[in-house]
Amino acid sequence: MTFFKNISYKKNIAYLFSCAIFFAVTSCEEDLAKNAAKQSKNFPSQIIDNAHIIQRDSGFVTMRAVAPVIEKYELIDSPYTIARKGIDIQFFDKKKPKVPGTIRAKYAKFYDYKQFYEARGDVRIKTNENQRFAMQSVFWDQRKKRIYTKDTVYVTMEDGSTLVGAHGMTAKDDFSEYVFFQNSGDFSTNQLKMSEK
């Protein structure tokens, strides 16, 4: 009778030990899978050095972009493209195809699905009407065709007059209209005479 008790006891220990090993291995595999999934998303799927990008619409060049490095992160749920070392963009309007507007920034990011851009670091925008905007960050919602920022915006018009939006601005993406928040500035005497009439 003692012999059977010893065998049954040893079987229980062996069974418990094998269960413990199974759960330890399974949890390790799950941890490794989770870590691998996190790590696999944390690198660019494409890196373009000395990037020169041209975007066309029905044969018409709408944009040219130049950047030292562009990285595309496509293996994640919300893919994006990033220019960490700055970007210089020319954008063209069919009304004035020979006079491009420009955007320069030290950093830019584009969210593919949202069609949302952000530019940061000494952002400079020049329209094809020769209006110049300076700010530290700007955001462009391409779907809504709106540009906005909460940073202080400095604007210089073609005639040399200046405007400051102390708490940012919102604008149509073609700069045909814009609104500044808490603005101030100086205007040329020609503009003041025209506004008095």
N, C-alpha and C. Protein backbone atom coordinates (compact mmCIF):
# COMPACT_ATOMS: atom_id res chain seq x y z
N MET A 1 0.82 -1.19 0.00
CA MET A 1 0.00 0.00 0.00
C MET A 1 0.87 1.25 0.00
N THR A 2 1.95 1.24 0.71
CA THR A 2 2.86 2.38 0.75
C THR A 2 3.47 2.63 -0.63
N PHE A 3 3.74 1.55 -1.34
CA PHE A 3 4.34 1.65 -2.65
C PHE A 3 3.44 2.46 -3.59
N PHE A 4 2.13 2.23 -3.58
CA PHE A 4 1.20 2.96 -4.44
C PHE A 4 1.08 4.42 -4.04
N LYS A 5 1.16 4.68 -2.73
CA LYS A 5 1.09 6.07 -2.27
C LYS A 5 2.29 6.86 -2.78
N ASN A 6 3.47 6.24 -2.74
CA ASN A 6 4.68 6.91 -3.21
C ASN A 6 4.60 7.21 -4.71
N ILE A 7 4.10 6.25 -5.48
CA ILE A 7 3.98 6.45 -6.92
C ILE A 7 2.98 7.58 -7.20
N SER A 8 1.84 7.55 -6.53
CA SER A 8 0.81 8.58 -6.74
C SER A 8 1.33 9.95 -6.32
N TYR A 9 2.07 10.01 -5.24
CA TYR A 9 2.66 11.27 -4.77
C TYR A 9 3.66 11.81 -5.79
N LYS A 10 4.51 10.93 -6.34
CA LYS A 10 5.49 11.33 -7.34
C LYS A 10 4.81 11.79 -8.62
N LYS A 11 3.69 11.13 -8.98
CA LYS A 11 2.94 11.54 -10.17
C LYS A 11 2.37 12.93 -9.98
N ASN A 12 1.85 13.23 -8.78
CA ASN A 12 1.29 14.56 -8.49
C ASN A 12 2.37 15.63 -8.59
N ILE A 13 3.54 15.34 -8.02
CA ILE A 13 4.64 16.31 -8.07
C ILE A 13 5.06 16.52 -9.52
N ALA A 14 5.18 15.43 -10.28
CA ALA A 14 5.57 15.55 -11.69
C ALA A 14 4.52 16.35 -12.45
N TYR A 15 3.24 16.11 -12.17
CA TYR A 15 2.15 16.82 -12.85
C TYR A 15 2.21 18.32 -12.52
N LEU A 16 2.36 18.64 -11.23
CA LEU A 16 2.44 20.05 -10.81
C LEU A 16 3.66 20.74 -11.41
N PHE A 17 4.77 20.03 -11.42
CA PHE A 17 6.00 20.60 -11.99
C PHE A 17 5.84 20.88 -13.49
N SER A 18 5.23 19.92 -14.22
CA SER A 18 5.03 20.14 -15.66
C SER A 18 4.04 21.27 -15.91
N CYS A 19 3.02 21.43 -15.07
CA CYS A 19 2.07 22.56 -15.21
C CYS A 19 2.80 23.89 -14.98
N ALA A 20 3.64 23.92 -13.96
CA ALA A 20 4.38 25.16 -13.67
C ALA A 20 5.28 25.52 -14.84
N ILE A 21 5.97 24.54 -15.40
CA ILE A 21 6.84 24.80 -16.55
C ILE A 21 6.01 25.29 -17.74
N PHE A 22 4.84 24.65 -17.97
CA PHE A 22 3.99 25.04 -19.10
C PHE A 22 3.56 26.50 -18.97
N PHE A 23 3.08 26.89 -17.78
CA PHE A 23 2.62 28.28 -17.58
C PHE A 23 3.78 29.27 -17.65
N ALA A 24 4.94 28.89 -17.14
CA ALA A 24 6.10 29.78 -17.21
C ALA A 24 6.53 29.99 -18.66
N VAL A 25 6.57 28.91 -19.44
CA VAL A 25 6.97 29.02 -20.85
C VAL A 25 5.93 29.82 -21.62
N THR A 26 4.64 29.54 -21.36
CA THR A 26 3.57 30.26 -22.06
C THR A 26 3.62 31.75 -21.76
N SER A 27 3.79 32.10 -20.48
CA SER A 27 3.84 33.53 -20.14
C SER A 27 5.09 34.19 -20.73
N CYS A 28 6.22 33.45 -20.77
CA CYS A 28 7.43 34.00 -21.39
C CYS A 28 7.21 34.23 -22.88
N GLU A 29 6.54 33.25 -23.55
CA GLU A 29 6.26 33.41 -24.97
C GLU A 29 5.36 34.61 -25.23
N GLU A 30 4.34 34.80 -24.35
CA GLU A 30 3.45 35.95 -24.51
C GLU A 30 4.23 37.25 -24.32
N ASP A 31 5.10 37.30 -23.30
CA ASP A 31 5.91 38.49 -23.06
C ASP A 31 6.82 38.77 -24.24
N LEU A 32 7.45 37.72 -24.78
CA LEU A 32 8.32 37.89 -25.93
C LEU A 32 7.54 38.38 -27.15
N ALA A 33 6.33 37.84 -27.33
CA ALA A 33 5.50 38.27 -28.47
C ALA A 33 5.09 39.73 -28.31
N LYS A 34 4.72 40.12 -27.08
CA LYS A 34 4.35 41.53 -26.84
C LYS A 34 5.54 42.44 -27.08
N ASN A 35 6.70 42.06 -26.56
CA ASN A 35 7.90 42.87 -26.75
C ASN A 35 8.29 42.96 -28.23
N ALA A 36 8.17 41.84 -28.93
CA ALA A 36 8.51 41.84 -30.36
C ALA A 36 7.55 42.74 -31.13
N ALA A 37 6.27 42.71 -30.76
CA ALA A 37 5.29 43.57 -31.44
C ALA A 37 5.60 45.04 -31.19
N LYS A 38 5.97 45.38 -29.94
CA LYS A 38 6.32 46.77 -29.63
C LYS A 38 7.58 47.19 -30.38
N GLN A 39 8.58 46.33 -30.39
CA GLN A 39 9.84 46.67 -31.03
C GLN A 39 9.71 46.76 -32.55
N SER A 40 8.89 45.90 -33.14
CA SER A 40 8.80 45.88 -34.59
C SER A 40 8.15 47.14 -35.13
N LYS A 41 7.40 47.85 -34.29
CA LYS A 41 6.73 49.07 -34.74
C LYS A 41 7.60 50.30 -34.54
N ASN A 42 8.70 50.15 -33.89
CA ASN A 42 9.49 51.31 -33.47
C ASN A 42 10.64 51.62 -34.42
N PHE A 43 10.47 51.35 -35.71
CA PHE A 43 11.52 51.69 -36.66
C PHE A 43 10.89 52.07 -38.00
N PRO A 44 11.56 52.91 -38.77
CA PRO A 44 11.00 53.31 -40.07
C PRO A 44 11.07 52.18 -41.08
N SER A 45 10.02 52.06 -41.87
CA SER A 45 10.00 51.06 -42.93
C SER A 45 10.77 51.55 -44.16
N GLN A 46 10.87 52.88 -44.31
CA GLN A 46 11.64 53.47 -45.41
C GLN A 46 12.42 54.67 -44.88
N ILE A 47 13.64 54.83 -45.35
CA ILE A 47 14.45 56.02 -45.04
C ILE A 47 14.96 56.56 -46.37
N ILE A 48 14.69 57.83 -46.62
CA ILE A 48 15.13 58.46 -47.87
C ILE A 48 16.14 59.54 -47.51
N ASP A 49 17.38 59.39 -47.94
CA ASP A 49 18.40 60.42 -47.74
C ASP A 49 18.37 61.38 -48.92
N ASN A 50 18.63 62.66 -48.63
CA ASN A 50 18.62 63.71 -49.66
C ASN A 50 17.36 63.62 -50.52
N ALA A 51 16.21 63.65 -49.87
CA ALA A 51 14.93 63.45 -50.55
C ALA A 51 14.55 64.64 -51.41
N HIS A 52 14.11 64.35 -52.61
CA HIS A 52 13.54 65.33 -53.54
C HIS A 52 12.21 64.73 -54.00
N ILE A 53 11.11 65.29 -53.52
CA ILE A 53 9.79 64.73 -53.78
C ILE A 53 8.98 65.71 -54.61
N ILE A 54 8.31 65.19 -55.64
CA ILE A 54 7.43 66.00 -56.48
C ILE A 54 6.03 65.38 -56.44
N GLN A 55 5.04 66.21 -56.16
CA GLN A 55 3.65 65.76 -56.13
C GLN A 55 2.90 66.42 -57.30
N ARG A 56 2.15 65.62 -58.05
CA ARG A 56 1.43 66.14 -59.22
C ARG A 56 -0.06 65.85 -59.08
N ASP A 57 -0.85 66.71 -59.73
CA ASP A 57 -2.29 66.50 -59.82
C ASP A 57 -2.67 66.72 -61.29
N SER A 58 -3.04 65.65 -61.99
CA SER A 58 -3.37 65.69 -63.42
C SER A 58 -2.24 66.31 -64.24
N GLY A 59 -1.01 65.96 -63.90
CA GLY A 59 0.15 66.46 -64.64
C GLY A 59 0.70 67.78 -64.13
N PHE A 60 -0.09 68.52 -63.36
CA PHE A 60 0.35 69.81 -62.82
C PHE A 60 1.11 69.58 -61.51
N VAL A 61 2.30 70.15 -61.41
CA VAL A 61 3.11 70.01 -60.19
C VAL A 61 2.48 70.87 -59.10
N THR A 62 2.02 70.23 -58.02
CA THR A 62 1.40 70.96 -56.92
C THR A 62 2.38 71.21 -55.78
N MET A 63 3.42 70.38 -55.68
CA MET A 63 4.36 70.52 -54.57
C MET A 63 5.72 69.93 -54.93
N ARG A 64 6.76 70.58 -54.45
CA ARG A 64 8.12 70.04 -54.47
C ARG A 64 8.65 70.13 -53.06
N ALA A 65 9.25 69.06 -52.57
CA ALA A 65 9.81 69.06 -51.22
C ALA A 65 11.24 68.55 -51.25
N VAL A 66 12.08 69.17 -50.44
CA VAL A 66 13.48 68.77 -50.30
C VAL A 66 13.76 68.62 -48.81
N ALA A 67 14.37 67.51 -48.42
CA ALA A 67 14.70 67.27 -47.01
C ALA A 67 15.96 66.43 -46.93
N PRO A 68 16.82 66.67 -45.92
CA PRO A 68 18.02 65.84 -45.77
C PRO A 68 17.68 64.37 -45.53
N VAL A 69 16.64 64.11 -44.70
CA VAL A 69 16.23 62.74 -44.40
C VAL A 69 14.71 62.71 -44.20
N ILE A 70 14.06 61.75 -44.82
CA ILE A 70 12.64 61.50 -44.58
C ILE A 70 12.49 60.05 -44.16
N GLU A 71 11.75 59.83 -43.08
CA GLU A 71 11.51 58.48 -42.56
C GLU A 71 10.01 58.19 -42.62
N LYS A 72 9.66 57.00 -43.13
CA LYS A 72 8.26 56.59 -43.20
C LYS A 72 8.03 55.46 -42.21
N TYR A 73 7.05 55.64 -41.33
CA TYR A 73 6.66 54.62 -40.35
C TYR A 73 5.32 54.05 -40.81
N GLU A 74 5.36 52.91 -41.49
CA GLU A 74 4.15 52.35 -42.11
C GLU A 74 3.64 51.10 -41.40
N LEU A 75 4.38 50.55 -40.44
CA LEU A 75 4.03 49.28 -39.82
C LEU A 75 3.22 49.45 -38.54
N ILE A 76 2.65 50.60 -38.33
CA ILE A 76 1.89 50.88 -37.12
C ILE A 76 0.45 51.22 -37.48
N ASP A 77 -0.39 51.32 -36.46
CA ASP A 77 -1.82 51.57 -36.70
C ASP A 77 -2.08 52.92 -37.34
N SER A 78 -1.34 53.93 -36.95
CA SER A 78 -1.48 55.28 -37.53
C SER A 78 -0.18 55.66 -38.22
N PRO A 79 0.02 55.26 -39.46
CA PRO A 79 1.28 55.53 -40.15
C PRO A 79 1.56 57.02 -40.30
N TYR A 80 2.84 57.36 -40.27
CA TYR A 80 3.23 58.76 -40.45
C TYR A 80 4.58 58.84 -41.14
N THR A 81 4.86 60.03 -41.65
CA THR A 81 6.14 60.34 -42.29
C THR A 81 6.74 61.51 -41.54
N ILE A 82 8.06 61.47 -41.33
CA ILE A 82 8.69 62.49 -40.50
C ILE A 82 9.97 63.00 -41.16
N ALA A 83 10.19 64.30 -41.04
CA ALA A 83 11.43 64.93 -41.50
C ALA A 83 12.07 65.58 -40.27
N ARG A 84 12.94 64.84 -39.60
CA ARG A 84 13.53 65.31 -38.34
C ARG A 84 14.57 66.41 -38.53
N LYS A 85 15.20 66.44 -39.69
CA LYS A 85 16.29 67.40 -39.92
C LYS A 85 15.85 68.57 -40.78
N GLY A 86 14.54 68.79 -40.84
CA GLY A 86 14.03 69.94 -41.56
C GLY A 86 13.51 69.61 -42.94
N ILE A 87 12.75 70.56 -43.49
CA ILE A 87 12.15 70.38 -44.81
C ILE A 87 11.95 71.74 -45.45
N ASP A 88 12.02 71.76 -46.77
CA ASP A 88 11.81 72.96 -47.57
C ASP A 88 10.81 72.58 -48.66
N ILE A 89 9.62 73.20 -48.63
CA ILE A 89 8.54 72.84 -49.55
C ILE A 89 8.18 74.03 -50.43
N GLN A 90 7.98 73.78 -51.70
CA GLN A 90 7.40 74.76 -52.62
C GLN A 90 6.01 74.23 -52.99
N PHE A 91 4.99 75.09 -52.88
CA PHE A 91 3.65 74.68 -53.30
C PHE A 91 3.16 75.63 -54.39
N PHE A 92 2.47 75.05 -55.38
CA PHE A 92 2.08 75.78 -56.57
C PHE A 92 0.57 75.88 -56.68
N ASP A 93 0.11 77.04 -57.11
CA ASP A 93 -1.31 77.30 -57.32
C ASP A 93 -1.53 77.43 -58.83
N LYS A 94 -2.61 76.83 -59.35
CA LYS A 94 -2.88 76.90 -60.79
C LYS A 94 -3.13 78.33 -61.26
N LYS A 95 -3.55 79.21 -60.35
CA LYS A 95 -3.79 80.61 -60.73
C LYS A 95 -2.47 81.33 -60.99
N LYS A 96 -1.42 80.96 -60.24
CA LYS A 96 -0.09 81.57 -60.41
C LYS A 96 0.95 80.45 -60.43
N PRO A 97 0.98 79.67 -61.50
CA PRO A 97 1.86 78.49 -61.50
C PRO A 97 3.35 78.80 -61.50
N LYS A 98 3.75 80.00 -61.92
CA LYS A 98 5.17 80.32 -61.99
C LYS A 98 5.70 80.93 -60.70
N VAL A 99 4.80 81.28 -59.76
CA VAL A 99 5.23 81.90 -58.50
C VAL A 99 4.84 80.96 -57.36
N PRO A 100 5.75 80.11 -56.91
CA PRO A 100 5.39 79.18 -55.83
C PRO A 100 5.39 79.85 -54.46
N GLY A 101 4.59 79.30 -53.56
CA GLY A 101 4.71 79.64 -52.15
C GLY A 101 5.72 78.69 -51.53
N THR A 102 6.22 79.03 -50.36
CA THR A 102 7.22 78.16 -49.73
C THR A 102 6.91 77.96 -48.25
N ILE A 103 7.32 76.83 -47.74
CA ILE A 103 7.27 76.54 -46.30
C ILE A 103 8.62 75.94 -45.93
N ARG A 104 9.22 76.49 -44.87
CA ARG A 104 10.48 75.94 -44.35
C ARG A 104 10.30 75.70 -42.85
N ALA A 105 10.81 74.59 -42.38
CA ALA A 105 10.73 74.27 -40.95
C ALA A 105 11.88 73.35 -40.57
N LYS A 106 12.24 73.34 -39.29
CA LYS A 106 13.32 72.48 -38.81
C LYS A 106 12.85 71.05 -38.57
N TYR A 107 11.50 70.85 -38.54
CA TYR A 107 10.93 69.54 -38.25
C TYR A 107 9.54 69.48 -38.87
N ALA A 108 9.18 68.36 -39.46
CA ALA A 108 7.83 68.21 -40.03
C ALA A 108 7.36 66.78 -39.87
N LYS A 109 6.04 66.62 -39.73
CA LYS A 109 5.45 65.29 -39.58
C LYS A 109 4.12 65.27 -40.32
N PHE A 110 3.84 64.17 -41.01
CA PHE A 110 2.60 64.01 -41.76
C PHE A 110 1.94 62.70 -41.35
N TYR A 111 0.68 62.79 -40.90
CA TYR A 111 -0.09 61.61 -40.52
C TYR A 111 -0.90 61.16 -41.75
N ASP A 112 -0.58 59.98 -42.27
CA ASP A 112 -1.12 59.54 -43.55
C ASP A 112 -2.65 59.46 -43.56
N TYR A 113 -3.26 58.72 -42.64
CA TYR A 113 -4.71 58.51 -42.67
C TYR A 113 -5.48 59.78 -42.36
N LYS A 114 -4.98 60.55 -41.42
CA LYS A 114 -5.68 61.78 -41.03
C LYS A 114 -5.49 62.90 -42.04
N GLN A 115 -4.47 62.78 -42.88
CA GLN A 115 -4.06 63.84 -43.81
C GLN A 115 -3.84 65.13 -43.02
N PHE A 116 -2.99 65.01 -42.03
CA PHE A 116 -2.72 66.10 -41.09
C PHE A 116 -1.22 66.33 -41.03
N TYR A 117 -0.81 67.58 -41.20
CA TYR A 117 0.61 67.96 -41.18
C TYR A 117 0.90 68.80 -39.96
N GLU A 118 2.12 68.70 -39.47
CA GLU A 118 2.60 69.64 -38.47
C GLU A 118 4.03 70.02 -38.83
N ALA A 119 4.36 71.29 -38.61
CA ALA A 119 5.72 71.78 -38.83
C ALA A 119 6.13 72.54 -37.59
N ARG A 120 7.38 72.35 -37.15
CA ARG A 120 7.85 72.97 -35.91
C ARG A 120 9.27 73.50 -36.10
N GLY A 121 9.59 74.50 -35.30
CA GLY A 121 10.96 75.01 -35.27
C GLY A 121 11.24 76.02 -36.35
N ASP A 122 11.11 77.30 -35.99
CA ASP A 122 11.46 78.39 -36.91
C ASP A 122 10.73 78.25 -38.25
N VAL A 123 9.40 78.10 -38.18
CA VAL A 123 8.60 77.90 -39.39
C VAL A 123 8.48 79.22 -40.16
N ARG A 124 8.75 79.15 -41.46
CA ARG A 124 8.64 80.32 -42.35
C ARG A 124 7.76 79.94 -43.53
N ILE A 125 6.71 80.74 -43.75
CA ILE A 125 5.80 80.53 -44.87
C ILE A 125 5.80 81.79 -45.73
N LYS A 126 5.93 81.61 -47.03
CA LYS A 126 5.82 82.73 -47.96
C LYS A 126 4.78 82.35 -49.00
N THR A 127 3.74 83.17 -49.15
CA THR A 127 2.68 82.87 -50.11
C THR A 127 3.09 83.35 -51.49
N ASN A 128 2.34 82.93 -52.51
CA ASN A 128 2.64 83.41 -53.86
C ASN A 128 2.21 84.86 -54.06
N GLU A 129 1.58 85.46 -53.03
CA GLU A 129 1.26 86.89 -53.03
C GLU A 129 2.35 87.68 -52.28
N ASN A 130 3.44 87.01 -51.92
CA ASN A 130 4.59 87.60 -51.24
C ASN A 130 4.28 88.06 -49.81
N GLN A 131 3.34 87.41 -49.16
CA GLN A 131 3.12 87.61 -47.72
C GLN A 131 4.02 86.63 -46.99
N ARG A 132 4.67 87.09 -45.92
CA ARG A 132 5.61 86.25 -45.19
C ARG A 132 5.13 86.06 -43.75
N PHE A 133 5.03 84.80 -43.33
CA PHE A 133 4.56 84.43 -42.00
C PHE A 133 5.72 83.76 -41.25
N ALA A 134 5.89 84.10 -39.98
CA ALA A 134 6.92 83.47 -39.14
C ALA A 134 6.29 83.05 -37.82
N MET A 135 6.55 81.81 -37.40
CA MET A 135 6.01 81.27 -36.15
C MET A 135 6.85 80.07 -35.73
N GLN A 136 6.59 79.52 -34.58
CA GLN A 136 7.36 78.37 -34.12
C GLN A 136 6.72 77.03 -34.48
N SER A 137 5.40 77.02 -34.69
CA SER A 137 4.74 75.78 -35.11
C SER A 137 3.49 76.12 -35.90
N VAL A 138 3.12 75.22 -36.79
CA VAL A 138 1.89 75.40 -37.57
C VAL A 138 1.34 74.01 -37.89
N PHE A 139 0.00 73.94 -37.98
CA PHE A 139 -0.68 72.68 -38.25
C PHE A 139 -1.59 72.86 -39.45
N TRP A 140 -1.65 71.84 -40.32
CA TRP A 140 -2.47 71.91 -41.51
C TRP A 140 -3.36 70.68 -41.57
N ASP A 141 -4.67 70.90 -41.49
CA ASP A 141 -5.65 69.84 -41.66
C ASP A 141 -6.04 69.85 -43.14
N GLN A 142 -5.47 68.92 -43.90
CA GLN A 142 -5.66 68.92 -45.34
C GLN A 142 -7.11 68.63 -45.72
N ARG A 143 -7.81 67.79 -44.95
CA ARG A 143 -9.21 67.48 -45.26
C ARG A 143 -10.10 68.72 -45.10
N LYS A 144 -9.87 69.48 -44.04
CA LYS A 144 -10.68 70.67 -43.79
C LYS A 144 -10.14 71.90 -44.53
N LYS A 145 -8.94 71.75 -45.12
CA LYS A 145 -8.28 72.85 -45.83
C LYS A 145 -8.07 74.06 -44.91
N ARG A 146 -7.62 73.77 -43.67
CA ARG A 146 -7.38 74.83 -42.68
C ARG A 146 -5.97 74.72 -42.14
N ILE A 147 -5.36 75.87 -41.87
CA ILE A 147 -4.06 75.98 -41.23
C ILE A 147 -4.27 76.74 -39.93
N TYR A 148 -3.60 76.33 -38.86
CA TYR A 148 -3.75 77.06 -37.61
C TYR A 148 -2.51 76.91 -36.73
N THR A 149 -2.40 77.85 -35.79
CA THR A 149 -1.35 77.79 -34.77
C THR A 149 -1.81 78.59 -33.57
N LYS A 150 -1.30 78.25 -32.40
CA LYS A 150 -1.56 79.02 -31.18
C LYS A 150 -0.35 79.87 -30.81
N ASP A 151 0.73 79.71 -31.58
CA ASP A 151 1.94 80.50 -31.33
C ASP A 151 1.76 81.93 -31.83
N THR A 152 2.64 82.80 -31.36
CA THR A 152 2.66 84.17 -31.89
C THR A 152 3.07 84.11 -33.36
N VAL A 153 2.32 84.83 -34.20
CA VAL A 153 2.56 84.84 -35.64
C VAL A 153 2.99 86.24 -36.05
N TYR A 154 4.08 86.34 -36.80
CA TYR A 154 4.55 87.61 -37.34
C TYR A 154 4.33 87.57 -38.85
N VAL A 155 3.62 88.59 -39.35
CA VAL A 155 3.29 88.63 -40.78
C VAL A 155 3.85 89.91 -41.38
N THR A 156 4.51 89.78 -42.51
CA THR A 156 4.98 90.94 -43.27
C THR A 156 4.29 90.90 -44.62
N MET A 157 3.58 91.98 -44.94
CA MET A 157 2.86 92.07 -46.21
C MET A 157 3.82 92.53 -47.32
N GLU A 158 3.36 92.45 -48.54
CA GLU A 158 4.19 92.80 -49.69
C GLU A 158 4.63 94.26 -49.64
N ASP A 159 3.77 95.15 -49.09
CA ASP A 159 4.11 96.58 -49.03
C ASP A 159 4.99 96.94 -47.83
N GLY A 160 5.35 95.94 -47.00
CA GLY A 160 6.22 96.19 -45.86
C GLY A 160 5.50 96.36 -44.54
N SER A 161 4.18 96.45 -44.55
CA SER A 161 3.44 96.57 -43.29
C SER A 161 3.52 95.25 -42.54
N THR A 162 3.40 95.33 -41.22
CA THR A 162 3.53 94.13 -40.39
C THR A 162 2.31 93.95 -39.51
N LEU A 163 2.10 92.72 -39.10
CA LEU A 163 0.98 92.36 -38.23
C LEU A 163 1.47 91.27 -37.29
N VAL A 164 1.04 91.34 -36.04
CA VAL A 164 1.41 90.32 -35.06
C VAL A 164 0.13 89.73 -34.47
N GLY A 165 -0.01 88.42 -34.58
CA GLY A 165 -1.10 87.71 -33.91
C GLY A 165 -0.54 87.09 -32.66
N ALA A 166 -0.77 87.75 -31.51
CA ALA A 166 -0.12 87.33 -30.26
C ALA A 166 -0.53 85.93 -29.81
N HIS A 167 -1.75 85.54 -30.13
CA HIS A 167 -2.22 84.21 -29.71
C HIS A 167 -2.60 83.34 -30.90
N GLY A 168 -1.85 83.48 -31.98
CA GLY A 168 -2.01 82.58 -33.10
C GLY A 168 -2.95 83.07 -34.19
N MET A 169 -3.30 82.13 -35.06
CA MET A 169 -4.16 82.44 -36.19
C MET A 169 -4.80 81.17 -36.71
N THR A 170 -5.82 81.35 -37.52
CA THR A 170 -6.40 80.27 -38.32
C THR A 170 -6.60 80.83 -39.72
N ALA A 171 -6.44 79.96 -40.73
CA ALA A 171 -6.49 80.45 -42.11
C ALA A 171 -6.94 79.34 -43.05
N LYS A 172 -7.46 79.74 -44.21
CA LYS A 172 -7.66 78.78 -45.29
C LYS A 172 -6.28 78.35 -45.77
N ASP A 173 -6.17 77.14 -46.27
CA ASP A 173 -4.83 76.66 -46.63
C ASP A 173 -4.24 77.34 -47.86
N ASP A 174 -5.04 78.13 -48.59
CA ASP A 174 -4.47 78.91 -49.69
C ASP A 174 -4.20 80.36 -49.26
N PHE A 175 -4.41 80.67 -47.98
CA PHE A 175 -4.20 81.99 -47.38
C PHE A 175 -5.07 83.08 -48.03
N SER A 176 -6.19 82.67 -48.62
CA SER A 176 -7.11 83.66 -49.19
C SER A 176 -7.85 84.41 -48.08
N GLU A 177 -7.96 83.81 -46.92
CA GLU A 177 -8.51 84.52 -45.75
C GLU A 177 -7.89 83.94 -44.49
N TYR A 178 -7.71 84.80 -43.48
CA TYR A 178 -7.16 84.34 -42.21
C TYR A 178 -7.64 85.24 -41.09
N VAL A 179 -7.59 84.71 -39.87
CA VAL A 179 -8.01 85.42 -38.67
C VAL A 179 -6.86 85.33 -37.67
N PHE A 180 -6.48 86.50 -37.11
CA PHE A 180 -5.43 86.55 -36.09
C PHE A 180 -6.08 86.80 -34.74
N PHE A 181 -5.49 86.27 -33.69
CA PHE A 181 -6.01 86.42 -32.34
C PHE A 181 -5.14 87.39 -31.55
N GLN A 182 -5.77 88.41 -30.96
CA GLN A 182 -5.09 89.49 -30.22
C GLN A 182 -3.98 90.08 -31.09
N ASN A 183 -4.39 90.70 -32.19
CA ASN A 183 -3.40 91.19 -33.14
C ASN A 183 -3.05 92.66 -32.91
N SER A 184 -1.89 93.01 -33.42
CA SER A 184 -1.41 94.39 -33.42
C SER A 184 -0.47 94.50 -34.61
N GLY A 185 -0.09 95.73 -34.95
CA GLY A 185 0.83 95.86 -36.06
C GLY A 185 0.95 97.28 -36.55
N ASP A 186 1.72 97.47 -37.61
CA ASP A 186 1.81 98.78 -38.24
C ASP A 186 1.48 98.62 -39.73
N PHE A 187 0.90 99.64 -40.27
CA PHE A 187 0.47 99.60 -41.66
C PHE A 187 1.06 100.79 -42.39
N SER A 188 1.23 100.64 -43.68
CA SER A 188 1.79 101.75 -44.46
C SER A 188 0.76 102.86 -44.57
N THR A 189 1.21 104.10 -44.84
CA THR A 189 0.28 105.22 -44.97
C THR A 189 -0.64 105.04 -46.16
N ASN A 190 -0.19 104.35 -47.19
CA ASN A 190 -1.08 104.07 -48.34
C ASN A 190 -2.27 103.24 -47.92
N GLN A 191 -2.03 102.24 -47.08
CA GLN A 191 -3.13 101.38 -46.62
C GLN A 191 -4.10 102.17 -45.76
N LEU A 192 -3.58 103.05 -44.89
CA LEU A 192 -4.46 103.84 -44.03
C LEU A 192 -5.33 104.79 -44.87
N LYS A 193 -4.74 105.40 -45.90
CA LYS A 193 -5.51 106.29 -46.77
C LYS A 193 -6.62 105.52 -47.48
N MET A 194 -6.30 104.31 -47.94
CA MET A 194 -7.32 103.51 -48.65
C MET A 194 -8.43 103.11 -47.70
N SER A 195 -8.09 102.78 -46.43
CA SER A 195 -9.12 102.34 -45.50
C SER A 195 -10.00 103.49 -45.04
N GLU A 196 -9.52 104.75 -45.12
CA GLU A 196 -10.33 105.90 -44.72
C GLU A 196 -11.39 106.22 -45.78
N LYS A 197 -11.17 105.86 -47.03
CA LYS A 197 -12.12 106.20 -48.11
C LYS A 197 -13.39 105.39 -48.01
